């Protein structure tokens, strides 16, 4: 009988040891989960801050996009007239450059004939 009592006593200590090991592992897991929770709270706050900053930055964007769209539409309406205007300006500039070259040629010829 005495051998069975020792076996039961040893078995009790084995169960107690296993339970202590499981509880120690669970406490470690709780510590890891608490750390993970703190990290997740920090990440969530950072994402919320970025979301708020982006919202504040882009709050007027729809109005600006609409204004740009309206400006582009208006420009498309006026492009035919703009093309004609640019063509006329190009012609005037071409004539002005031709006149400038002719004046330079004339000046160089007249300076070359003068006695020094």
PDB file of N, CA and C in Angstrom:
ATOM      1  N   UNK A   1       0.796  -1.182   0.000  1.00  0.00           N
ATOM      2  CA  UNK A   1       0.000   0.000   0.000  1.00  0.00           C
ATOM      3  C   UNK A   1       0.848   1.258   0.000  1.00  0.00           C
ATOM      4  N   UNK A   2       1.955   1.154   0.657  1.00  0.00           N
ATOM      5  CA  UNK A   2       2.806   2.315   0.767  1.00  0.00           C
ATOM      6  C   UNK A   2       3.336   2.734  -0.615  1.00  0.00           C
ATOM      7  N   UNK A   3       3.592   1.819  -1.530  1.00  0.00           N
ATOM      8  CA  UNK A   3       4.080   2.128  -2.867  1.00  0.00           C
ATOM      9  C   UNK A   3       3.041   2.865  -3.682  1.00  0.00           C
ATOM     10  N   UNK A   4       1.785   2.515  -3.491  1.00  0.00           N
ATOM     11  CA  UNK A   4       0.725   3.207  -4.213  1.00  0.00           C
ATOM     12  C   UNK A   4       0.577   4.639  -3.720  1.00  0.00           C
ATOM     13  N   UNK A   5       0.768   4.872  -2.468  1.00  0.00           N
ATOM     14  CA  UNK A   5       0.651   6.233  -1.921  1.00  0.00           C
ATOM     15  C   UNK A   5       1.741   7.109  -2.505  1.00  0.00           C
ATOM     16  N   UNK A   6       2.936   6.560  -2.645  1.00  0.00           N
ATOM     17  CA  UNK A   6       4.016   7.347  -3.233  1.00  0.00           C
ATOM     18  C   UNK A   6       3.731   7.624  -4.698  1.00  0.00           C
ATOM     19  N   UNK A   7       3.200   6.637  -5.390  1.00  0.00           N
ATOM     20  CA  UNK A   7       2.883   6.854  -6.795  1.00  0.00           C
ATOM     21  C   UNK A   7       1.807   7.913  -6.946  1.00  0.00           C
ATOM     22  N   UNK A   8       0.796   7.895  -6.073  1.00  0.00           N
ATOM     23  CA  UNK A   8      -0.250   8.912  -6.126  1.00  0.00           C
ATOM     24  C   UNK A   8       0.309  10.279  -5.755  1.00  0.00           C
ATOM     25  N   UNK A   9       1.201  10.325  -4.793  1.00  0.00           N
ATOM     26  CA  UNK A   9       1.814  11.603  -4.403  1.00  0.00           C
ATOM     27  C   UNK A   9       2.686  12.142  -5.533  1.00  0.00           C
ATOM     28  N   UNK A  10       3.416  11.260  -6.198  1.00  0.00           N
ATOM     29  CA  UNK A  10       4.243  11.695  -7.330  1.00  0.00           C
ATOM     30  C   UNK A  10       3.396  12.150  -8.499  1.00  0.00           C
ATOM     31  N   UNK A  11       2.253  11.474  -8.661  1.00  0.00           N
ATOM     32  CA  UNK A  11       1.355  11.844  -9.745  1.00  0.00           C
ATOM     33  C   UNK A  11       0.739  13.220  -9.483  1.00  0.00           C
ATOM     34  N   UNK A  12       0.441  13.492  -8.220  1.00  0.00           N
ATOM     35  CA  UNK A  12      -0.134  14.799  -7.851  1.00  0.00           C
ATOM     36  C   UNK A  12       0.871  15.906  -8.161  1.00  0.00           C
ATOM     37  N   UNK A  13       2.155  15.666  -7.792  1.00  0.00           N
ATOM     38  CA  UNK A  13       3.169  16.683  -8.061  1.00  0.00           C
ATOM     39  C   UNK A  13       3.381  16.867  -9.574  1.00  0.00           C
ATOM     40  N   UNK A  14       3.264  15.791 -10.321  1.00  0.00           N
ATOM     41  CA  UNK A  14       3.375  15.879 -11.777  1.00  0.00           C
ATOM     42  C   UNK A  14       2.234  16.711 -12.351  1.00  0.00           C
ATOM     43  N   UNK A  15       1.013  16.479 -11.866  1.00  0.00           N
ATOM     44  CA  UNK A  15      -0.150  17.258 -12.335  1.00  0.00           C
ATOM     45  C   UNK A  15       0.006  18.713 -11.938  1.00  0.00           C
ATOM     46  N   UNK A  16       0.455  18.947 -10.691  1.00  0.00           N
ATOM     47  CA  UNK A  16       0.674  20.327 -10.230  1.00  0.00           C
ATOM     48  C   UNK A  16       1.738  21.003 -11.100  1.00  0.00           C
ATOM     49  N   UNK A  17       2.810  20.304 -11.407  1.00  0.00           N
ATOM     50  CA  UNK A  17       3.862  20.867 -12.254  1.00  0.00           C
ATOM     51  C   UNK A  17       3.366  21.187 -13.659  1.00  0.00           C
ATOM     52  N   UNK A  18       2.586  20.256 -14.226  1.00  0.00           N
ATOM     53  CA  UNK A  18       2.019  20.513 -15.564  1.00  0.00           C
ATOM     54  C   UNK A  18       1.091  21.718 -15.527  1.00  0.00           C
ATOM     55  N   UNK A  19       0.247  21.805 -14.485  1.00  0.00           N
ATOM     56  CA  UNK A  19      -0.666  22.946 -14.356  1.00  0.00           C
ATOM     57  C   UNK A  19       0.101  24.255 -14.197  1.00  0.00           C
ATOM     58  N   UNK A  20       1.173  24.225 -13.407  1.00  0.00           N
ATOM     59  CA  UNK A  20       1.990  25.436 -13.259  1.00  0.00           C
ATOM     60  C   UNK A  20       2.635  25.821 -14.597  1.00  0.00           C
ATOM     61  N   UNK A  21       3.101  24.841 -15.338  1.00  0.00           N
ATOM     62  CA  UNK A  21       3.686  25.113 -16.658  1.00  0.00           C
ATOM     63  C   UNK A  21       2.667  25.708 -17.621  1.00  0.00           C
ATOM     64  N   UNK A  22       1.466  25.151 -17.618  1.00  0.00           N
ATOM     65  CA  UNK A  22       0.402  25.680 -18.482  1.00  0.00           C
ATOM     66  C   UNK A  22       0.035  27.104 -18.067  1.00  0.00           C
ATOM     67  N   UNK A  23      -0.096  27.338 -16.747  1.00  0.00           N
ATOM     68  CA  UNK A  23      -0.459  28.685 -16.287  1.00  0.00           C
ATOM     69  C   UNK A  23       0.655  29.692 -16.603  1.00  0.00           C
ATOM     70  N   UNK A  24       1.929  29.270 -16.443  1.00  0.00           N
ATOM     71  CA  UNK A  24       3.046  30.166 -16.782  1.00  0.00           C
ATOM     72  C   UNK A  24       3.010  30.486 -18.285  1.00  0.00           C
ATOM     73  N   UNK A  25       2.743  29.498 -19.123  1.00  0.00           N
ATOM     74  CA  UNK A  25       2.634  29.723 -20.568  1.00  0.00           C
ATOM     75  C   UNK A  25       1.481  30.648 -20.916  1.00  0.00           C
ATOM     76  N   UNK A  26       0.366  30.476 -20.194  1.00  0.00           N
ATOM     77  CA  UNK A  26      -0.782  31.358 -20.434  1.00  0.00           C
ATOM     78  C   UNK A  26      -0.468  32.797 -20.035  1.00  0.00           C
ATOM     79  N   UNK A  27       0.250  32.985 -18.902  1.00  0.00           N
ATOM     80  CA  UNK A  27       0.633  34.332 -18.493  1.00  0.00           C
ATOM     81  C   UNK A  27       1.555  34.968 -19.535  1.00  0.00           C
ATOM     82  N   UNK A  28       2.468  34.178 -20.076  1.00  0.00           N
ATOM     83  CA  UNK A  28       3.348  34.688 -21.146  1.00  0.00           C
ATOM     84  C   UNK A  28       2.520  35.102 -22.366  1.00  0.00           C
ATOM     85  N   UNK A  29       1.527  34.273 -22.713  1.00  0.00           N
ATOM     86  CA  UNK A  29       0.654  34.574 -23.844  1.00  0.00           C
ATOM     87  C   UNK A  29      -0.136  35.849 -23.590  1.00  0.00           C
ATOM     88  N   UNK A  30      -0.615  36.013 -22.334  1.00  0.00           N
ATOM     89  CA  UNK A  30      -1.331  37.243 -21.980  1.00  0.00           C
ATOM     90  C   UNK A  30      -0.420  38.458 -22.154  1.00  0.00           C
ATOM     91  N   UNK A  31       0.835  38.346 -21.721  1.00  0.00           N
ATOM     92  CA  UNK A  31       1.787  39.452 -21.885  1.00  0.00           C
ATOM     93  C   UNK A  31       2.018  39.782 -23.355  1.00  0.00           C
ATOM     94  N   UNK A  32       2.147  38.752 -24.184  1.00  0.00           N
ATOM     95  CA  UNK A  32       2.331  38.978 -25.624  1.00  0.00           C
ATOM     96  C   UNK A  32       1.098  39.637 -26.223  1.00  0.00           C
ATOM     97  N   UNK A  33      -0.097  39.174 -25.837  1.00  0.00           N
ATOM     98  CA  UNK A  33      -1.332  39.754 -26.373  1.00  0.00           C
ATOM     99  C   UNK A  33      -1.525  41.195 -25.927  1.00  0.00           C
ATOM    100  N   UNK A  34      -1.131  41.504 -24.686  1.00  0.00           N
ATOM    101  CA  UNK A  34      -1.220  42.892 -24.213  1.00  0.00           C
ATOM    102  C   UNK A  34      -0.274  43.779 -25.025  1.00  0.00           C
ATOM    103  N   UNK A  35       0.929  43.291 -25.269  1.00  0.00           N
ATOM    104  CA  UNK A  35       1.867  44.053 -26.099  1.00  0.00           C
ATOM    105  C   UNK A  35       1.335  44.236 -27.516  1.00  0.00           C
ATOM    106  N   UNK A  36       0.731  43.190 -28.067  1.00  0.00           N
ATOM    107  CA  UNK A  36       0.145  43.272 -29.400  1.00  0.00           C
ATOM    108  C   UNK A  36      -1.006  44.266 -29.425  1.00  0.00           C
ATOM    109  N   UNK A  37      -1.796  44.265 -28.349  1.00  0.00           N
ATOM    110  CA  UNK A  37      -2.906  45.221 -28.272  1.00  0.00           C
ATOM    111  C   UNK A  37      -2.381  46.656 -28.258  1.00  0.00           C
ATOM    112  N   UNK A  38      -1.331  46.915 -27.485  1.00  0.00           N
ATOM    113  CA  UNK A  38      -0.755  48.263 -27.442  1.00  0.00           C
ATOM    114  C   UNK A  38      -0.238  48.674 -28.819  1.00  0.00           C
ATOM    115  N   UNK A  39       0.399  47.737 -29.503  1.00  0.00           N
ATOM    116  CA  UNK A  39       0.896  48.030 -30.844  1.00  0.00           C
ATOM    117  C   UNK A  39      -0.256  48.336 -31.793  1.00  0.00           C
ATOM    118  N   UNK A  40      -1.310  47.534 -31.707  1.00  0.00           N
ATOM    119  CA  UNK A  40      -2.467  47.745 -32.577  1.00  0.00           C
ATOM    120  C   UNK A  40      -3.149  49.077 -32.282  1.00  0.00           C
ATOM    121  N   UNK A  41      -3.204  49.478 -31.009  1.00  0.00           N
ATOM    122  CA  UNK A  41      -3.778  50.777 -30.659  1.00  0.00           C
ATOM    123  C   UNK A  41      -2.942  51.898 -31.287  1.00  0.00           C
ATOM    124  N   UNK A  42      -1.619  51.770 -31.214  1.00  0.00           N
ATOM    125  CA  UNK A  42      -0.747  52.773 -31.826  1.00  0.00           C
ATOM    126  C   UNK A  42      -0.913  52.838 -33.339  1.00  0.00           C
ATOM    127  N   UNK A  43      -1.005  51.683 -33.971  1.00  0.00           N
ATOM    128  CA  UNK A  43      -1.196  51.642 -35.430  1.00  0.00           C
ATOM    129  C   UNK A  43      -2.543  52.240 -35.798  1.00  0.00           C
ATOM    130  N   UNK A  44      -3.573  51.902 -35.030  1.00  0.00           N
ATOM    131  CA  UNK A  44      -4.910  52.446 -35.297  1.00  0.00           C
ATOM    132  C   UNK A  44      -4.916  53.955 -35.168  1.00  0.00           C
ATOM    133  N   UNK A  45      -4.274  54.467 -34.135  1.00  0.00           N
ATOM    134  CA  UNK A  45      -4.211  55.933 -33.960  1.00  0.00           C
ATOM    135  C   UNK A  45      -3.451  56.588 -35.103  1.00  0.00           C
ATOM    136  N   UNK A  46      -2.370  55.968 -35.551  1.00  0.00           N
ATOM    137  CA  UNK A  46      -1.602  56.515 -36.668  1.00  0.00           C
ATOM    138  C   UNK A  46      -2.431  56.530 -37.949  1.00  0.00           C
ATOM    139  N   UNK A  47      -3.164  55.456 -38.190  1.00  0.00           N
ATOM    140  CA  UNK A  47      -4.007  55.398 -39.394  1.00  0.00           C
ATOM    141  C   UNK A  47      -5.124  56.435 -39.318  1.00  0.00           C
ATOM    142  N   UNK A  48      -5.736  56.576 -38.137  1.00  0.00           N
ATOM    143  CA  UNK A  48      -6.786  57.582 -37.976  1.00  0.00           C
ATOM    144  C   UNK A  48      -6.230  58.990 -38.174  1.00  0.00           C
ATOM    145  N   UNK A  49      -5.033  59.246 -37.656  1.00  0.00           N
ATOM    146  CA  UNK A  49      -4.403  60.553 -37.845  1.00  0.00           C
ATOM    147  C   UNK A  49      -4.108  60.818 -39.312  1.00  0.00           C
ATOM    148  N   UNK A  50      -3.604  59.815 -40.010  1.00  0.00           N
ATOM    149  CA  UNK A  50      -3.332  59.975 -41.443  1.00  0.00           C
ATOM    150  C   UNK A  50      -4.626  60.193 -42.215  1.00  0.00           C
ATOM    151  N   UNK A  51      -5.675  59.488 -41.819  1.00  0.00           N
ATOM    152  CA  UNK A  51      -6.968  59.654 -42.477  1.00  0.00           C
ATOM    153  C   UNK A  51      -7.502  61.071 -42.265  1.00  0.00           C
ATOM    154  N   UNK A  52      -7.391  61.563 -41.037  1.00  0.00           N
ATOM    155  CA  UNK A  52      -7.846  62.925 -40.739  1.00  0.00           C
ATOM    156  C   UNK A  52      -7.048  63.951 -41.521  1.00  0.00           C
ATOM    157  N   UNK A  53      -5.718  63.773 -41.563  1.00  0.00           N
ATOM    158  CA  UNK A  53      -4.869  64.726 -42.285  1.00  0.00           C
ATOM    159  C   UNK A  53      -5.172  64.699 -43.784  1.00  0.00           C
ATOM    160  N   UNK A  54      -5.375  63.514 -44.323  1.00  0.00           N
ATOM    161  CA  UNK A  54      -5.704  63.404 -45.750  1.00  0.00           C
ATOM    162  C   UNK A  54      -7.059  64.036 -46.036  1.00  0.00           C
ATOM    163  N   UNK A  55      -8.017  63.804 -45.162  1.00  0.00           N
ATOM    164  CA  UNK A  55      -9.342  64.398 -45.351  1.00  0.00           C
ATOM    165  C   UNK A  55      -9.250  65.924 -45.307  1.00  0.00           C
ATOM    166  N   UNK A  56      -8.501  66.454 -44.337  1.00  0.00           N
ATOM    167  CA  UNK A  56      -8.359  67.902 -44.235  1.00  0.00           C
ATOM    168  C   UNK A  56      -7.639  68.483 -45.450  1.00  0.00           C
ATOM    169  N   UNK A  57      -6.650  67.755 -45.949  1.00  0.00           N
ATOM    170  CA  UNK A  57      -5.884  68.229 -47.098  1.00  0.00           C
ATOM    171  C   UNK A  57      -6.726  68.217 -48.367  1.00  0.00           C
ATOM    172  N   UNK A  58      -7.515  67.177 -48.546  1.00  0.00           N
ATOM    173  CA  UNK A  58      -8.268  67.017 -49.791  1.00  0.00           C
ATOM    174  C   UNK A  58      -9.723  67.458 -49.682  1.00  0.00           C
ATOM    175  N   UNK A  59     -10.075  68.165 -48.610  1.00  0.00           N
ATOM    176  CA  UNK A  59     -11.471  68.557 -48.417  1.00  0.00           C
ATOM    177  C   UNK A  59     -11.972  69.432 -49.557  1.00  0.00           C
ATOM    178  N   UNK A  60     -11.131  70.314 -50.089  1.00  0.00           N
ATOM    179  CA  UNK A  60     -11.554  71.200 -51.176  1.00  0.00           C
ATOM    180  C   UNK A  60     -11.292  70.633 -52.554  1.00  0.00           C
ATOM    181  N   UNK A  61     -10.831  69.411 -52.645  1.00  0.00           N
ATOM    182  CA  UNK A  61     -10.463  68.834 -53.942  1.00  0.00           C
ATOM    183  C   UNK A  61     -11.638  68.744 -54.909  1.00  0.00           C
ATOM    184  N   UNK A  62     -12.836  68.311 -54.494  1.00  0.00           N
ATOM    185  CA  UNK A  62     -13.927  68.236 -55.481  1.00  0.00           C
ATOM    186  C   UNK A  62     -14.218  69.580 -56.145  1.00  0.00           C
ATOM    187  N   UNK A  63     -14.166  70.658 -55.367  1.00  0.00           N
ATOM    188  CA  UNK A  63     -14.400  71.981 -55.953  1.00  0.00           C
ATOM    189  C   UNK A  63     -13.301  72.336 -56.942  1.00  0.00           C
ATOM    190  N   UNK A  64     -12.056  72.037 -56.583  1.00  0.00           N
ATOM    191  CA  UNK A  64     -10.944  72.341 -57.480  1.00  0.00           C
ATOM    192  C   UNK A  64     -11.014  71.504 -58.750  1.00  0.00           C
ATOM    193  N   UNK A  65     -11.409  70.249 -58.611  1.00  0.00           N
ATOM    194  CA  UNK A  65     -11.546  69.377 -59.790  1.00  0.00           C
ATOM    195  C   UNK A  65     -12.654  69.898 -60.692  1.00  0.00           C
ATOM    196  N   UNK A  66     -13.768  70.300 -60.102  1.00  0.00           N
ATOM    197  CA  UNK A  66     -14.871  70.844 -60.882  1.00  0.00           C
ATOM    198  C   UNK A  66     -14.444  72.127 -61.594  1.00  0.00           C
ATOM    199  N   UNK A  67     -13.700  72.976 -60.899  1.00  0.00           N
ATOM    200  CA  UNK A  67     -13.221  74.218 -61.504  1.00  0.00           C
ATOM    201  C   UNK A  67     -12.271  73.922 -62.668  1.00  0.00           C
ATOM    202  N   UNK A  68     -11.372  72.964 -62.487  1.00  0.00           N
ATOM    203  CA  UNK A  68     -10.462  72.590 -63.571  1.00  0.00           C
ATOM    204  C   UNK A  68     -11.206  71.998 -64.746  1.00  0.00           C
ATOM    205  N   UNK A  69     -12.230  71.195 -64.473  1.00  0.00           N
ATOM    206  CA  UNK A  69     -13.034  70.598 -65.537  1.00  0.00           C
ATOM    207  C   UNK A  69     -13.749  71.695 -66.323  1.00  0.00           C
ATOM    208  N   UNK A  70     -14.309  72.668 -65.590  1.00  0.00           N
ATOM    209  CA  UNK A  70     -15.003  73.772 -66.237  1.00  0.00           C
ATOM    210  C   UNK A  70     -14.022  74.587 -67.072  1.00  0.00           C
ATOM    211  N   UNK A  71     -12.824  74.818 -66.536  1.00  0.00           N
ATOM    212  CA  UNK A  71     -11.814  75.573 -67.279  1.00  0.00           C
ATOM    213  C   UNK A  71     -11.375  74.847 -68.538  1.00  0.00           C
ATOM    214  N   UNK A  72     -11.235  73.537 -68.457  1.00  0.00           N
ATOM    215  CA  UNK A  72     -10.835  72.762 -69.633  1.00  0.00           C
ATOM    216  C   UNK A  72     -11.936  72.790 -70.682  1.00  0.00           C
ATOM    217  N   UNK A  73     -13.178  72.689 -70.254  1.00  0.00           N
ATOM    218  CA  UNK A  73     -14.300  72.739 -71.199  1.00  0.00           C
ATOM    219  C   UNK A  73     -14.354  74.104 -71.882  1.00  0.00           C
ATOM    220  N   UNK A  74     -14.167  75.157 -71.109  1.00  0.00           N
ATOM    221  CA  UNK A  74     -14.166  76.505 -71.675  1.00  0.00           C
ATOM    222  C   UNK A  74     -13.022  76.680 -72.654  1.00  0.00           C
ATOM    223  N   UNK A  75     -11.862  76.149 -72.318  1.00  0.00           N
ATOM    224  CA  UNK A  75     -10.710  76.257 -73.215  1.00  0.00           C
ATOM    225  C   UNK A  75     -10.964  75.507 -74.519  1.00  0.00           C
ATOM    226  N   UNK A  76     -11.591  74.334 -74.447  1.00  0.00           N
ATOM    227  CA  UNK A  76     -11.903  73.577 -75.663  1.00  0.00           C
ATOM    228  C   UNK A  76     -12.840  74.357 -76.574  1.00  0.00           C
ATOM    229  N   UNK A  77     -13.761  75.107 -75.986  1.00  0.00           N
ATOM    230  CA  UNK A  77     -14.681  75.919 -76.798  1.00  0.00           C
ATOM    231  C   UNK A  77     -13.935  77.021 -77.524  1.00  0.00           C
ATOM    232  N   UNK A  78     -12.911  77.577 -76.887  1.00  0.00           N
ATOM    233  CA  UNK A  78     -12.198  78.717 -77.463  1.00  0.00           C
ATOM    234  C   UNK A  78     -10.978  78.317 -78.285  1.00  0.00           C
ATOM    235  N   UNK A  79     -10.666  77.056 -78.362  1.00  0.00           N
ATOM    236  CA  UNK A  79      -9.468  76.627 -79.097  1.00  0.00           C
ATOM    237  C   UNK A  79      -9.511  77.008 -80.569  1.00  0.00           C
ATOM    238  N   UNK A  80     -10.619  76.856 -81.295  1.00  0.00           N
ATOM    239  CA  UNK A  80     -10.586  77.267 -82.703  1.00  0.00           C
ATOM    240  C   UNK A  80     -10.186  78.738 -82.873  1.00  0.00           C
ATOM    241  N   UNK A  81     -10.734  79.618 -82.068  1.00  0.00           N
ATOM    242  CA  UNK A  81     -10.350  81.030 -82.129  1.00  0.00           C
ATOM    243  C   UNK A  81      -8.907  81.233 -81.694  1.00  0.00           C
ATOM    244  N   UNK A  82      -8.474  80.460 -80.721  1.00  0.00           N
ATOM    245  CA  UNK A  82      -7.095  80.555 -80.238  1.00  0.00           C
ATOM    246  C   UNK A  82      -6.122  80.107 -81.313  1.00  0.00           C
ATOM    247  N   UNK A  83      -6.453  79.067 -82.040  1.00  0.00           N
ATOM    248  CA  UNK A  83      -5.582  78.580 -83.105  1.00  0.00           C
ATOM    249  C   UNK A  83      -5.426  79.640 -84.193  1.00  0.00           C
ATOM    250  N   UNK A  84      -6.520  80.305 -84.556  1.00  0.00           N
ATOM    251  CA  UNK A  84      -6.441  81.365 -85.564  1.00  0.00           C
ATOM    252  C   UNK A  84      -5.579  82.520 -85.064  1.00  0.00           C
ATOM    253  N   UNK A  85      -5.754  82.887 -83.808  1.00  0.00           N
ATOM    254  CA  UNK A  85      -4.972  83.977 -83.222  1.00  0.00           C
ATOM    255  C   UNK A  85      -3.487  83.627 -83.219  1.00  0.00           C
ATOM    256  N   UNK A  86      -3.149  82.415 -82.816  1.00  0.00           N
ATOM    257  CA  UNK A  86      -1.745  81.997 -82.788  1.00  0.00           C
ATOM    258  C   UNK A  86      -1.151  81.962 -84.190  1.00  0.00           C
ATOM    259  N   UNK A  87      -1.933  81.581 -85.170  1.00  0.00           N
ATOM    260  CA  UNK A  87      -1.463  81.571 -86.555  1.00  0.00           C
ATOM    261  C   UNK A  87      -1.120  82.989 -87.008  1.00  0.00           C
ATOM    262  N   UNK A  88      -1.959  83.942 -86.685  1.00  0.00           N
ATOM    263  CA  UNK A  88      -1.694  85.342 -87.055  1.00  0.00           C
ATOM    264  C   UNK A  88      -0.459  85.877 -86.340  1.00  0.00           C
ATOM    265  N   UNK A  89      -0.325  85.540 -85.053  1.00  0.00           N
ATOM    266  CA  UNK A  89       0.853  85.987 -84.288  1.00  0.00           C
ATOM    267  C   UNK A  89       2.114  85.400 -84.898  1.00  0.00           C
ATOM    268  N   UNK A  90       2.067  84.132 -85.292  1.00  0.00           N
ATOM    269  CA  UNK A  90       3.218  83.473 -85.918  1.00  0.00           C
ATOM    270  C   UNK A  90       3.599  84.171 -87.225  1.00  0.00           C
ATOM    271  N   UNK A  91       2.613  84.570 -88.020  1.00  0.00           N
ATOM    272  CA  UNK A  91       2.876  85.271 -89.281  1.00  0.00           C
ATOM    273  C   UNK A  91       3.539  86.622 -89.017  1.00  0.00           C
ATOM    274  N   UNK A  92       3.019  87.342 -88.025  1.00  0.00           N
ATOM    275  CA  UNK A  92       3.588  88.663 -87.705  1.00  0.00           C
ATOM    276  C   UNK A  92       5.026  88.514 -87.224  1.00  0.00           C
ATOM    277  N   UNK A  93       5.290  87.520 -86.381  1.00  0.00           N
ATOM    278  CA  UNK A  93       6.649  87.302 -85.887  1.00  0.00           C
ATOM    279  C   UNK A  93       7.595  86.892 -87.010  1.00  0.00           C
ATOM    280  N   UNK A  94       7.108  86.100 -87.946  1.00  0.00           N
ATOM    281  CA  UNK A  94       7.936  85.710 -89.084  1.00  0.00           C
ATOM    282  C   UNK A  94       8.323  86.924 -89.904  1.00  0.00           C
ATOM    283  N   UNK A  95       7.388  87.819 -90.180  1.00  0.00           N
ATOM    284  CA  UNK A  95       7.677  89.044 -90.933  1.00  0.00           C
ATOM    285  C   UNK A  95       8.640  89.933 -90.151  1.00  0.00           C
ATOM    286  N   UNK A  96       8.431  90.037 -88.838  1.00  0.00           N
ATOM    287  CA  UNK A  96       9.310  90.880 -88.020  1.00  0.00           C
ATOM    288  C   UNK A  96      10.734  90.335 -88.024  1.00  0.00           C
ATOM    289  N   UNK A  97      10.910  89.020 -87.927  1.00  0.00           N
ATOM    290  CA  UNK A  97      12.253  88.435 -87.974  1.00  0.00           C
ATOM    291  C   UNK A  97      12.897  88.640 -89.342  1.00  0.00           C
ATOM    292  N   UNK A  98      12.126  88.526 -90.406  1.00  0.00           N
ATOM    293  CA  UNK A  98      12.659  88.747 -91.752  1.00  0.00           C
ATOM    294  C   UNK A  98      13.133  90.195 -91.908  1.00  0.00           C
ATOM    295  N   UNK A  99      12.316  91.139 -91.391  1.00  0.00           N
ATOM    296  CA  UNK A  99      12.709  92.556 -91.455  1.00  0.00           C
ATOM    297  C   UNK A  99      13.978  92.814 -90.649  1.00  0.00           C
ATOM    298  N   UNK A 100      14.094  92.190 -89.495  1.00  0.00           N
ATOM    299  CA  UNK A 100      15.289  92.375 -88.661  1.00  0.00           C
ATOM    300  C   UNK A 100      16.532  91.879 -89.391  1.00  0.00           C
ATOM    301  N   UNK A 101      16.436  90.738 -90.049  1.00  0.00           N
ATOM    302  CA  UNK A 101      17.580  90.203 -90.802  1.00  0.00           C
ATOM    303  C   UNK A 101      17.953  91.132 -91.955  1.00  0.00           C
ATOM    304  N   UNK A 102      16.946  91.655 -92.641  1.00  0.00           N
ATOM    305  CA  UNK A 102      17.214  92.560 -93.760  1.00  0.00           C
ATOM    306  C   UNK A 102      17.902  93.842 -93.285  1.00  0.00           C
ATOM    307  N   UNK A 103      17.439  94.359 -92.120  1.00  0.00           N
ATOM    308  CA  UNK A 103      18.069  95.567 -91.574  1.00  0.00           C
ATOM    309  C   UNK A 103      19.520  95.295 -91.180  1.00  0.00           C
ATOM    310  N   UNK A 104      19.806  94.137 -90.603  1.00  0.00           N
ATOM    311  CA  UNK A 104      21.178  93.801 -90.233  1.00  0.00           C
ATOM    312  C   UNK A 104      22.056  93.693 -91.469  1.00  0.00           C
ATOM    313  N   UNK A 105      21.538  93.084 -92.540  1.00  0.00           N
ATOM    314  CA  UNK A 105      22.305  92.980 -93.785  1.00  0.00           C
ATOM    315  C   UNK A 105      22.591  94.360 -94.362  1.00  0.00           C
ATOM    316  N   UNK A 106      21.581  95.215 -94.346  1.00  0.00           N
ATOM    317  CA  UNK A 106      21.730  96.570 -94.867  1.00  0.00           C
ATOM    318  C   UNK A 106      22.739  97.356 -94.044  1.00  0.00           C
ATOM    319  N   UNK A 107      22.692  97.222 -92.721  1.00  0.00           N
ATOM    320  CA  UNK A 107      23.635  97.931 -91.854  1.00  0.00           C
ATOM    321  C   UNK A 107      25.056  97.433 -92.077  1.00  0.00           C
ATOM    322  N   UNK A 108      25.228  96.146 -92.242  1.00  0.00           N
ATOM    323  CA  UNK A 108      26.583  95.631 -92.441  1.00  0.00           C
ATOM    324  C   UNK A 108      27.137  96.075 -93.797  1.00  0.00           C
ATOM    325  N   UNK A 109      26.287  96.215 -94.820  1.00  0.00           N
ATOM    326  CA  UNK A 109      26.742  96.678 -96.133  1.00  0.00           C
ATOM    327  C   UNK A 109      27.109  98.152 -96.084  1.00  0.00           C
ATOM    328  N   UNK A 110      26.302  98.969 -95.392  1.00  0.00           N
ATOM    329  CA  UNK A 110      26.589 100.389 -95.339  1.00  0.00           C
ATOM    330  C   UNK A 110      27.813 100.682 -94.497  1.00  0.00           C
ATOM    331  N   UNK A 111      28.066  99.926 -93.448  1.00  0.00           N
ATOM    332  CA  UNK A 111      29.263 100.134 -92.628  1.00  0.00           C
ATOM    333  C   UNK A 111      30.511  99.695 -93.382  1.00  0.00           C
ATOM    334  N   UNK A 112      30.360  98.681 -94.203  1.00  0.00           N
ATOM    335  CA  UNK A 112      31.501  98.199 -94.959  1.00  0.00           C
ATOM    336  C   UNK A 112      31.948  99.161 -96.028  1.00  0.00           C
ATOM    337  N   UNK A 113      31.073 100.045 -96.567  1.00  0.00           N
ATOM    338  CA  UNK A 113      31.427 100.990 -97.617  1.00  0.00           C
ATOM    339  C   UNK A 113      31.980 102.296 -97.093  1.00  0.00           C
ATOM    340  N   UNK A 114      31.827 102.569 -95.796  1.00  0.00           N
ATOM    341  CA  UNK A 114      32.305 103.822 -95.215  1.00  0.00           C
ATOM    342  C   UNK A 114      33.831 103.811 -95.094  1.00  0.00           C
ATOM    343  N   UNK A 115      34.449 104.948 -95.358  1.00  0.00           N
ATOM    344  CA  UNK A 115      35.900 105.035 -95.124  1.00  0.00           C
ATOM    345  C   UNK A 115      36.194 105.146 -93.646  1.00  0.00           C
ATOM    346  N   UNK A 116      37.254 104.563 -93.224  1.00  0.00           N
ATOM    347  CA  UNK A 116      37.613 104.583 -91.812  1.00  0.00           C
ATOM    348  C   UNK A 116      38.422 105.770 -91.442  1.00  0.00           C
TER     349      UNK A 116
END
